[in-house]
PDB file of N, CA and C in Angstrom:
ATOM      1  N   MET A   1     100.013  89.711 100.746  1.00  0.00           N
ATOM      2  CA  MET A   1      98.620  89.823 100.537  1.00  0.00           C
ATOM      3  C   MET A   1      98.090  88.749  99.367  1.00  0.00           C
ATOM      4  N   SER A   2      96.864  88.313  99.166  1.00  0.00           N
ATOM      5  CA  SER A   2      95.755  87.381  98.125  1.00  0.00           C
ATOM      6  C   SER A   2      95.604  88.721  97.233  1.00  0.00           C
ATOM      7  N   GLY A   3      95.936  87.753  95.847  1.00  0.00           N
ATOM      8  CA  GLY A   3      94.481  88.685  95.312  1.00  0.00           C
ATOM      9  C   GLY A   3      95.133  90.062  95.056  1.00  0.00           C
ATOM     10  N   HIS A   4      94.024  90.834  94.064  1.00  0.00           N
ATOM     11  CA  HIS A   4      94.579  92.280  93.917  1.00  0.00           C
ATOM     12  C   HIS A   4      93.869  93.135  94.777  1.00  0.00           C
ATOM     13  N   LEU A   5      94.464  94.151  95.579  1.00  0.00           N
ATOM     14  CA  LEU A   5      93.541  94.955  96.220  1.00  0.00           C
ATOM     15  C   LEU A   5      93.845  96.302  95.502  1.00  0.00           C
ATOM     16  N   THR A   6      92.477  96.882  95.788  1.00  0.00           N
ATOM     17  CA  THR A   6      92.225  98.133  95.432  1.00  0.00           C
ATOM     18  C   THR A   6      93.112  99.654  96.170  1.00  0.00           C
ATOM     19  N   GLU A   7      93.771 100.803  95.625  1.00  0.00           N
ATOM     20  CA  GLU A   7      94.515 101.455  96.441  1.00  0.00           C
ATOM     21  C   GLU A   7      93.727 102.201  97.433  1.00  0.00           C
ATOM     22  N   ARG A   8      92.404 102.039  97.570  1.00  0.00           N
ATOM     23  CA  ARG A   8      91.009 102.515  98.610  1.00  0.00           C
ATOM     24  C   ARG A   8      91.254 101.323  99.538  1.00  0.00           C
ATOM     25  N   GLN A   9      91.682 100.360  99.464  1.00  0.00           N
ATOM     26  CA  GLN A   9      91.927  98.983 100.153  1.00  0.00           C
ATOM     27  C   GLN A   9      93.260  98.813 100.758  1.00  0.00           C
ATOM     28  N   LEU A  10      94.132  99.328  99.969  1.00  0.00           N
ATOM     29  CA  LEU A  10      95.495  99.229 100.559  1.00  0.00           C
ATOM     30  C   LEU A  10      95.563 100.611 101.845  1.00  0.00           C
ATOM     31  N   ARG A  11      94.799 101.733 101.222  1.00  0.00           N
ATOM     32  CA  ARG A  11      94.808 103.024 101.871  1.00  0.00           C
ATOM     33  C   ARG A  11      94.341 102.665 103.571  1.00  0.00           C
ATOM     34  N   ILE A  12      92.948 101.672 103.515  1.00  0.00           N
ATOM     35  CA  ILE A  12      92.446 101.200 104.407  1.00  0.00           C
ATOM     36  C   ILE A  12      93.083 100.528 105.265  1.00  0.00           C
ATOM     37  N   ILE A  13      94.072  99.445 105.268  1.00  0.00           N
ATOM     38  CA  ILE A  13      94.948  98.702 105.610  1.00  0.00           C
ATOM     39  C   ILE A  13      96.156  99.444 106.389  1.00  0.00           C
ATOM     40  N   ARG A  14      96.442 100.092 105.331  1.00  0.00           N
ATOM     41  CA  ARG A  14      97.360 101.186 105.884  1.00  0.00           C
ATOM     42  C   ARG A  14      97.010 101.858 107.234  1.00  0.00           C
ATOM     43  N   SER A  15      95.951 102.395 107.128  1.00  0.00           N
ATOM     44  CA  SER A  15      95.353 103.160 108.110  1.00  0.00           C
ATOM     45  C   SER A  15      94.807 102.468 109.567  1.00  0.00           C
ATOM     46  N   ALA A  16      94.834 101.227 109.439  1.00  0.00           N
ATOM     47  CA  ALA A  16      94.220 100.701 110.234  1.00  0.00           C
ATOM     48  C   ALA A  16      95.478 100.015 111.020  1.00  0.00           C
ATOM     49  N   ARG A  17      97.134  99.750 110.257  1.00  0.00           N
ATOM     50  CA  ARG A  17      98.207  99.733 110.928  1.00  0.00           C
ATOM     51  C   ARG A  17      98.294 100.587 111.557  1.00  0.00           C
ATOM     52  N   GLU A  18      98.425 101.695 110.871  1.00  0.00           N
ATOM     53  CA  GLU A  18      98.728 102.998 111.656  1.00  0.00           C
ATOM     54  C   GLU A  18      98.232 103.510 113.298  1.00  0.00           C
ATOM     55  N   TRP A  19      96.975 102.901 113.006  1.00  0.00           N
ATOM     56  CA  TRP A  19      95.832 103.256 114.336  1.00  0.00           C
ATOM     57  C   TRP A  19      96.273 102.834 115.249  1.00  0.00           C
ATOM     58  N   VAL A  20      96.508 100.918 114.796  1.00  0.00           N
ATOM     59  CA  VAL A  20      97.124  99.687 115.977  1.00  0.00           C
ATOM     60  C   VAL A  20      98.528 100.451 116.339  1.00  0.00           C
ATOM     61  N   ALA A  21      99.092 100.965 115.576  1.00  0.00           N
ATOM     62  CA  ALA A  21     100.410 101.360 116.034  1.00  0.00           C
ATOM     63  C   ALA A  21     100.261 102.269 116.962  1.00  0.00           C
ATOM     64  N   GLU A  22      99.737 103.733 117.008  1.00  0.00           N
ATOM     65  CA  GLU A  22      99.276 104.699 117.571  1.00  0.00           C
ATOM     66  C   GLU A  22      98.717 104.580 118.570  1.00  0.00           C
ATOM     67  N   HIS A  23      97.539 103.349 118.543  1.00  0.00           N
ATOM     68  CA  HIS A  23      96.657 103.828 119.742  1.00  0.00           C
ATOM     69  C   HIS A  23      96.845 102.238 120.839  1.00  0.00           C
ATOM     70  N   GLY A  24      97.695 100.904 120.073  1.00  0.00           N
ATOM     71  CA  GLY A  24      97.756  99.867 120.935  1.00  0.00           C
ATOM     72  C   GLY A  24      96.335  99.321 120.662  1.00  0.00           C
ATOM     73  N   GLU A  25      95.356  99.516 119.907  1.00  0.00           N
ATOM     74  CA  GLU A  25      94.515  98.780 119.777  1.00  0.00           C
ATOM     75  C   GLU A  25      93.726  99.013 118.187  1.00  0.00           C
ATOM     76  N   ALA A  26      92.710  98.069 117.883  1.00  0.00           N
ATOM     77  CA  ALA A  26      92.078  98.589 116.825  1.00  0.00           C
ATOM     78  C   ALA A  26      90.994  99.344 116.629  1.00  0.00           C
ATOM     79  N   PRO A  27      90.859 100.234 115.415  1.00  0.00           N
ATOM     80  CA  PRO A  27      90.107 101.334 115.645  1.00  0.00           C
ATOM     81  C   PRO A  27      88.462 100.478 115.370  1.00  0.00           C
ATOM     82  N   SER A  28      87.707 101.862 115.952  1.00  0.00           N
ATOM     83  CA  SER A  28      86.487 101.356 115.300  1.00  0.00           C
ATOM     84  C   SER A  28      86.005 101.463 113.957  1.00  0.00           C
ATOM     85  N   VAL A  29      84.687 100.510 113.314  1.00  0.00           N
ATOM     86  CA  VAL A  29      84.569 100.983 111.894  1.00  0.00           C
ATOM     87  C   VAL A  29      84.587 102.407 111.713  1.00  0.00           C
ATOM     88  N   ARG A  30      83.898 103.394 112.623  1.00  0.00           N
ATOM     89  CA  ARG A  30      83.414 104.715 112.202  1.00  0.00           C
ATOM     90  C   ARG A  30      84.874 105.547 112.406  1.00  0.00           C
ATOM     91  N   GLU A  31      85.875 105.034 113.307  1.00  0.00           N
ATOM     92  CA  GLU A  31      87.328 105.581 113.379  1.00  0.00           C
ATOM     93  C   GLU A  31      88.447 105.276 111.992  1.00  0.00           C
ATOM     94  N   LEU A  32      87.810 104.276 111.947  1.00  0.00           N
ATOM     95  CA  LEU A  32      89.090 103.406 110.591  1.00  0.00           C
ATOM     96  C   LEU A  32      88.650 104.352 109.580  1.00  0.00           C
ATOM     97  N   ALA A  33      86.887 104.760 109.371  1.00  0.00           N
ATOM     98  CA  ALA A  33      86.650 105.552 108.149  1.00  0.00           C
ATOM     99  C   ALA A  33      87.137 106.956 108.058  1.00  0.00           C
ATOM    100  N   GLN A  34      87.014 107.496 109.091  1.00  0.00           N
ATOM    101  CA  GLN A  34      88.093 108.979 109.437  1.00  0.00           C
ATOM    102  C   GLN A  34      89.329 108.762 109.217  1.00  0.00           C
ATOM    103  N   ALA A  35      89.854 107.996 109.951  1.00  0.00           N
ATOM    104  CA  ALA A  35      91.506 107.574 109.281  1.00  0.00           C
ATOM    105  C   ALA A  35      91.652 107.703 108.157  1.00  0.00           C
ATOM    106  N   ALA A  36      90.901 106.713 107.201  1.00  0.00           N
ATOM    107  CA  ALA A  36      91.555 106.378 106.185  1.00  0.00           C
ATOM    108  C   ALA A  36      90.563 107.248 104.649  1.00  0.00           C
ATOM    109  N   GLY A  37      90.362 108.788 105.274  1.00  0.00           N
ATOM    110  CA  GLY A  37      89.091 109.635 104.743  1.00  0.00           C
ATOM    111  C   GLY A  37      88.023 109.477 104.002  1.00  0.00           C
ATOM    112  N   LEU A  38      87.583 108.150 104.229  1.00  0.00           N
ATOM    113  CA  LEU A  38      86.327 107.730 103.693  1.00  0.00           C
ATOM    114  C   LEU A  38      85.024 108.529 104.513  1.00  0.00           C
ATOM    115  N   SER A  39      83.938 108.867 103.489  1.00  0.00           N
ATOM    116  CA  SER A  39      83.130 109.054 104.060  1.00  0.00           C
ATOM    117  C   SER A  39      81.936 108.729 105.439  1.00  0.00           C
ATOM    118  N   SER A  40      82.078 107.656 105.380  1.00  0.00           N
ATOM    119  CA  SER A  40      80.426 106.572 105.825  1.00  0.00           C
ATOM    120  C   SER A  40      81.497 105.260 106.525  1.00  0.00           C
ATOM    121  N   PRO A  41      80.795 104.665 107.244  1.00  0.00           N
ATOM    122  CA  PRO A  41      81.248 103.435 108.282  1.00  0.00           C
ATOM    123  C   PRO A  41      80.640 102.542 107.088  1.00  0.00           C
ATOM    124  N   SER A  42      79.572 102.924 106.662  1.00  0.00           N
ATOM    125  CA  SER A  42      79.311 101.964 105.810  1.00  0.00           C
ATOM    126  C   SER A  42      80.226 101.500 104.613  1.00  0.00           C
ATOM    127  N   SER A  43      80.594 102.519 103.915  1.00  0.00           N
ATOM    128  CA  SER A  43      81.763 102.232 103.111  1.00  0.00           C
ATOM    129  C   SER A  43      82.855 101.522 103.417  1.00  0.00           C
ATOM    130  N   ILE A  44      83.525 101.841 104.933  1.00  0.00           N
ATOM    131  CA  ILE A  44      84.341 100.772 105.198  1.00  0.00           C
ATOM    132  C   ILE A  44      84.066  99.432 105.725  1.00  0.00           C
ATOM    133  N   ALA A  45      82.629  99.184 105.671  1.00  0.00           N
ATOM    134  CA  ALA A  45      82.022  97.891 106.063  1.00  0.00           C
ATOM    135  C   ALA A  45      82.360  97.138 104.957  1.00  0.00           C
ATOM    136  N   TYR A  46      81.874  97.979 103.872  1.00  0.00           N
ATOM    137  CA  TYR A  46      82.017  97.317 102.431  1.00  0.00           C
ATOM    138  C   TYR A  46      83.727  96.977 101.964  1.00  0.00           C
ATOM    139  N   GLN A  47      84.106  97.739 102.207  1.00  0.00           N
ATOM    140  CA  GLN A  47      85.559  97.627 101.622  1.00  0.00           C
ATOM    141  C   GLN A  47      85.882  96.475 102.861  1.00  0.00           C
ATOM    142  N   LEU A  48      85.863  96.286 103.779  1.00  0.00           N
ATOM    143  CA  LEU A  48      86.481  95.306 104.921  1.00  0.00           C
ATOM    144  C   LEU A  48      85.801  94.021 104.289  1.00  0.00           C
ATOM    145  N   LYS A  49      84.955  93.979 103.907  1.00  0.00           N
ATOM    146  CA  LYS A  49      84.002  92.744 103.433  1.00  0.00           C
ATOM    147  C   LYS A  49      84.947  92.138 102.001  1.00  0.00           C
ATOM    148  N   ARG A  50      85.423  93.399 101.197  1.00  0.00           N
ATOM    149  CA  ARG A  50      86.045  92.777 100.088  1.00  0.00           C
ATOM    150  C   ARG A  50      87.402  92.115 100.479  1.00  0.00           C
ATOM    151  N   ILE A  51      88.396  93.287 101.248  1.00  0.00           N
ATOM    152  CA  ILE A  51      89.247  93.008 101.770  1.00  0.00           C
ATOM    153  C   ILE A  51      89.513  91.003 102.277  1.00  0.00           C
ATOM    154  N   ARG A  52      88.388  90.788 102.982  1.00  0.00           N
ATOM    155  CA  ARG A  52      88.538  89.851 103.920  1.00  0.00           C
ATOM    156  C   ARG A  52      88.374  88.724 102.598  1.00  0.00           C
ATOM    157  N   GLU A  53      87.768  89.024 101.582  1.00  0.00           N
ATOM    158  CA  GLU A  53      87.216  88.239 100.438  1.00  0.00           C
ATOM    159  C   GLU A  53      88.965  87.705  99.660  1.00  0.00           C
ATOM    160  N   ARG A  54      89.714  88.563  99.625  1.00  0.00           N
ATOM    161  CA  ARG A  54      90.940  88.161  99.362  1.00  0.00           C
ATOM    162  C   ARG A  54      91.782  88.023  99.939  1.00  0.00           C
ATOM    163  N   GLY A  55      91.559  87.329 100.928  1.00  0.00           N
ATOM    164  CA  GLY A  55      92.498  86.508 102.410  1.00  0.00           C
ATOM    165  C   GLY A  55      93.343  87.367 103.742  1.00  0.00           C
ATOM    166  N   VAL A  56      93.088  88.906 103.425  1.00  0.00           N
ATOM    167  CA  VAL A  56      93.538  89.781 104.279  1.00  0.00           C
ATOM    168  C   VAL A  56      92.465  89.749 105.592  1.00  0.00           C
ATOM    169  N   VAL A  57      92.914  89.562 106.756  1.00  0.00           N
ATOM    170  CA  VAL A  57      91.941  89.879 108.043  1.00  0.00           C
ATOM    171  C   VAL A  57      92.300  91.347 108.516  1.00  0.00           C
ATOM    172  N   VAL A  58      91.234  92.326 108.399  1.00  0.00           N
ATOM    173  CA  VAL A  58      91.740  93.506 109.355  1.00  0.00           C
ATOM    174  C   VAL A  58      90.495  93.385 110.369  1.00  0.00           C
ATOM    175  N   GLU A  59      90.725  93.874 111.610  1.00  0.00           N
ATOM    176  CA  GLU A  59      89.932  93.884 112.711  1.00  0.00           C
ATOM    177  C   GLU A  59      89.442  95.079 113.101  1.00  0.00           C
ATOM    178  N   THR A  60      88.153  94.686 113.677  1.00  0.00           N
ATOM    179  CA  THR A  60      87.640  96.261 114.240  1.00  0.00           C
ATOM    180  C   THR A  60      87.052  95.840 115.645  1.00  0.00           C
ATOM    181  N   ARG A  61      86.745  97.048 116.372  1.00  0.00           N
ATOM    182  CA  ARG A  61      85.972  96.629 117.880  1.00  0.00           C
ATOM    183  C   ARG A  61      85.207  97.924 117.492  1.00  0.00           C
ATOM    184  N   ALA A  62      84.291  97.145 118.345  1.00  0.00           N
ATOM    185  CA  ALA A  62      82.911  97.958 118.963  1.00  0.00           C
ATOM    186  C   ALA A  62      83.140  99.205 119.504  1.00  0.00           C
ATOM    187  N   ALA A  63      82.559 100.156 119.031  1.00  0.00           N
ATOM    188  CA  ALA A  63      82.962 101.745 119.477  1.00  0.00           C
ATOM    189  C   ALA A  63      82.794 101.885 120.745  1.00  0.00           C
ATOM    190  N   PRO A  64      83.481 102.526 121.903  1.00  0.00           N
ATOM    191  CA  PRO A  64      83.201 102.426 123.025  1.00  0.00           C
ATOM    192  C   PRO A  64      82.440 102.922 123.816  1.00  0.00           C
ATOM    193  N   ALA A  65      81.439 103.934 122.659  1.00  0.00           N
ATOM    194  CA  ALA A  65      80.463 104.825 123.402  1.00  0.00           C
ATOM    195  C   ALA A  65      78.961 103.361 123.275  1.00  0.00           C
ATOM    196  N   ALA A  66      79.353 102.197 122.513  1.00  0.00           N
ATOM    197  CA  ALA A  66      78.459 101.295 123.193  1.00  0.00           C
ATOM    198  C   ALA A  66      78.346 100.675 124.131  1.00  0.00           C
ATOM    199  N   CYS A  67      76.960 100.904 124.861  1.00  0.00           N
ATOM    200  CA  CYS A  67      76.710 100.969 125.964  1.00  0.00           C
ATOM    201  C   CYS A  67      75.509 100.427 126.466  1.00  0.00           C
ATOM    202  N   ALA A  68      75.395  99.628 127.566  1.00  0.00           N
ATOM    203  CA  ALA A  68      74.044  98.948 127.833  1.00  0.00           C
ATOM    204  C   ALA A  68      73.848  99.325 129.408  1.00  0.00           C
ATOM    205  N   HIS A  69      72.421 100.203 129.566  1.00  0.00           N
ATOM    206  CA  HIS A  69      72.192 100.135 131.199  1.00  0.00           C
ATOM    207  C   HIS A  69      71.608  98.999 131.708  1.00  0.00           C
ATOM    208  N   THR A  70      72.308  98.651 132.669  1.00  0.00           N
ATOM    209  CA  THR A  70      71.831  97.439 133.509  1.00  0.00           C
ATOM    210  C   THR A  70      71.349  98.080 134.685  1.00  0.00           C
ATOM    211  N   ALA A  71      70.615  97.536 135.481  1.00  0.00           N
ATOM    212  CA  ALA A  71      70.310  98.293 137.338  1.00  0.00           C
ATOM    213  C   ALA A  71      70.861  99.253 137.394  1.00  0.00           C
ATOM    214  N   GLY A  72      69.615 100.358 136.726  1.00  0.00           N
ATOM    215  CA  GLY A  72      69.826 101.646 137.447  1.00  0.00           C
ATOM    216  C   GLY A  72      70.989 102.298 136.721  1.00  0.00           C
ATOM    217  N   THR A  73      72.243 102.491 137.344  1.00  0.00           N
ATOM    218  CA  THR A  73      73.288 103.288 137.148  1.00  0.00           C
ATOM    219  C   THR A  73      74.323 102.569 136.557  1.00  0.00           C
ATOM    220  N   GLU A  74      74.523 101.137 136.717  1.00  0.00           N
ATOM    221  CA  GLU A  74      75.593 100.513 136.031  1.00  0.00           C
ATOM    222  C   GLU A  74      75.385 100.447 134.374  1.00  0.00           C
ATOM    223  N   HIS A  75      76.650 100.536 133.815  1.00  0.00           N
ATOM    224  CA  HIS A  75      77.051 100.486 132.273  1.00  0.00           C
ATOM    225  C   HIS A  75      77.314  98.855 132.220  1.00  0.00           C
ATOM    226  N   GLN A  76      77.391  98.325 131.386  1.00  0.00           N
ATOM    227  CA  GLN A  76      78.418  97.411 130.444  1.00  0.00           C
ATOM    228  C   GLN A  76      78.688  97.718 129.144  1.00  0.00           C
ATOM    229  N   MET A  77      80.106  97.925 129.096  1.00  0.00           N
ATOM    230  CA  MET A  77      80.948  98.339 127.470  1.00  0.00           C
ATOM    231  C   MET A  77      80.578  97.136 126.627  1.00  0.00           C
ATOM    232  N   ARG A  78      80.274  97.419 125.463  1.00  0.00           N
ATOM    233  CA  ARG A  78      80.423  96.065 124.755  1.00  0.00           C
ATOM    234  C   ARG A  78      81.511  96.521 123.952  1.00  0.00           C
ATOM    235  N   ARG A  79      82.905  95.354 124.172  1.00  0.00           N
ATOM    236  CA  ARG A  79      84.121  95.487 123.384  1.00  0.00           C
ATOM    237  C   ARG A  79      84.818  94.072 122.427  1.00  0.00           C
ATOM    238  N   GLY A  80      85.220  94.307 121.568  1.00  0.00           N
ATOM    239  CA  GLY A  80      85.525  92.957 120.647  1.00  0.00           C
ATOM    240  C   GLY A  80      85.298  93.216 119.420  1.00  0.00           C
ATOM    241  N   PRO A  81      85.561  92.053 119.123  1.00  0.00           N
ATOM    242  CA  PRO A  81      85.725  92.383 117.367  1.00  0.00           C
ATOM    243  C   PRO A  81      84.479  92.400 117.077  1.00  0.00           C
ATOM    244  N   HIS A  82      84.475  93.189 115.473  1.00  0.00           N
ATOM    245  CA  HIS A  82      83.384  93.680 114.720  1.00  0.00           C
ATOM    246  C   HIS A  82      82.332  92.535 114.576  1.00  0.00           C
ATOM    247  N   PRO A  83      80.893  92.984 114.668  1.00  0.00           N
ATOM    248  CA  PRO A  83      79.958  91.844 114.477  1.00  0.00           C
ATOM    249  C   PRO A  83      80.142  91.068 113.171  1.00  0.00           C
ATOM    250  N   ASP A  84      80.703  91.461 112.271  1.00  0.00           N
ATOM    251  CA  ASP A  84      80.934  90.764 111.049  1.00  0.00           C
ATOM    252  C   ASP A  84      82.207  89.623 111.421  1.00  0.00           C
ATOM    253  N   GLY A  85      82.761  89.618 112.312  1.00  0.00           N
ATOM    254  CA  GLY A  85      84.503  88.720 112.562  1.00  0.00           C
ATOM    255  C   GLY A  85      85.739  89.482 111.776  1.00  0.00           C
ATOM    256  N   LEU A  86      85.894  90.628 111.419  1.00  0.00           N
ATOM    257  CA  LEU A  86      86.467  91.253 110.707  1.00  0.00           C
ATOM    258  C   LEU A  86      87.517  91.332 111.580  1.00  0.00           C
ATOM    259  N   ARG A  87      88.654  91.317 111.441  1.00  0.00           N
ATOM    260  CA  ARG A  87      90.027  92.111 112.332  1.00  0.00           C
ATOM    261  C   ARG A  87      90.875  92.922 112.001  1.00  0.00           C
ATOM    262  N   VAL A  88      91.133  93.691 112.672  1.00  0.00           N
ATOM    263  CA  VAL A  88      92.141  95.049 112.228  1.00  0.00           C
ATOM    264  C   VAL A  88      93.896  94.743 113.186  1.00  0.00           C
ATOM    265  N   GLY A  89      94.702  94.153 112.387  1.00  0.00           N
ATOM    266  CA  GLY A  89      95.810  94.655 113.074  1.00  0.00           C
ATOM    267  C   GLY A  89      96.727  94.573 112.095  1.00  0.00           C
ATOM    268  N   PRO A  90      98.061  94.616 112.765  1.00  0.00           N
ATOM    269  CA  PRO A  90      99.248  94.687 111.647  1.00  0.00           C
ATOM    270  C   PRO A  90      99.837  93.534 111.109  1.00  0.00           C
TER     271      PRO A  90
END
């Protein structure tokens, strides 16, 4: 890992890796906040940006509840990388 990472940033990276190992997919920002013991998704988003600036790629996914209604009862799930392009992985 390049650059100096804080203990909090290292905890976020460890939590993301553990989540992927346990669940087989990247966590949402909210799930990562909870797993890392942080109070809000916005604090995770801030830390992920700082981590990325240090050359570490951490991927997150859209929350499963992020749905859009289309044509009455149809639903489309939005899944994929975080809108900021951040990635979480082992």
